[in-house]
Amino acid sequence: MYRGGRCTDHHRRELHRDGKCRYPQHSRDRYGIAREHHHARCFFAISKVLPRDEAIETIRQSIRDTYGKKGEEVVQKNLCAVEETLAHLFEVSVPEKATSQVQMPAPFSPEAPQYECEVLGAIYAGHGDDLPVSAFSCDGTFPTATAKWEKRNLAPEIPVWDTKTCIQCGKCAMVCPHAVIRIKVFDSRELKNAPVTFKFTEARDKEWQGMKYTIQVSPEDCTGCGICVDICPAKNKSETRLKAINMEPQPPLRGPESENWKFFLKIPELDRRKIKLTTIRQQQVQEPLFEFSGACSGCGETPYLKLVSQLLVTGR
């Protein structure tokens, strides 16, 4: 979170153009507040739907009425949350001219096919009405497997794999709602052109003896739900708060992990005849053909669709 005058240096330039400012007049550390408190109080503090003091006092009274039976300690913690939230609200100083060098990225990756960039990209950018009828197929159908080009970058934090703690159970990949956590088992010869930061270890299953094992995350497709961390059964013995997969800030990891992801996709899929489909630890090596859906962060339904695509579809 960038505070005060620094905010405008990091917003995209499109927020400040044509002689008009599109910046919010107030800002707050939303992710930081959300971890500890609820930030709805900021809305009442700046919206003027009600007089500020009246709105805040109404919230305080609501807290007393709601949590009074649970004890004074609970009430005070919630009242403290109100004060802490308001303390994180600050006014943004808006410059007369745009100071940011950040440009709005294209809706689709430049590596995407022409149709995705020119047609779907225009729709995603809000310019679908400008497209001619001739831009679409005559039967009205759309191509599949286009979500992999969106790269929405939603997650403030993404999962990071700890090779030494991992027990290779496959559960993190199994529960991932958007198929952004993948597992591959491969021959060491595939590592010839691997990026320096690409992680791998020895495969533990006896059927895969002598092969390498990796878990890779797509940083720009992850939604940051953290379900993978919740399901992970392995604990770091030297630091028990950590597991075999842990959430870390996405921005510094985006570049190197994106390169790792591209390399990961080039590694050949393991022959299905070498995969035991009755155990999750091996079955999750299969390539999911249902990926990067528009489902909500932490969706509990899409993992089943993904699993069906792994088990029942034999190829693209």
Foldseek 3Di string as FASTA:
>chain_A
DDDAQCVLQADAQVCFDPQDHNDDFKDFPVVVLVVQADQVLVCLCPVPPDDNVVVLVVVLVVLCVVCVVVDPVSSVSRNVSSVVNVVRMDGYDDDSHRNYPHHDDQQFDPVDDPLCRPAVSCVVVVNNVVDDPVSADPVRDDDPPSLVGRLQQQAQKDKDFAVVQDPLQQPLQLQALFNQKAKAKAAPVLCPPADPPQDWDADDDPLRHRIIMHIAGQLSLANHLCVSQVPAPTADPVDRVDGRMDIDGRPVVNVVSNSNVVSVVPGDQDDPVSFDCVGSSRLRSFDFPRHSDPDDHSDRPNSVVRSCRRPPPDDD
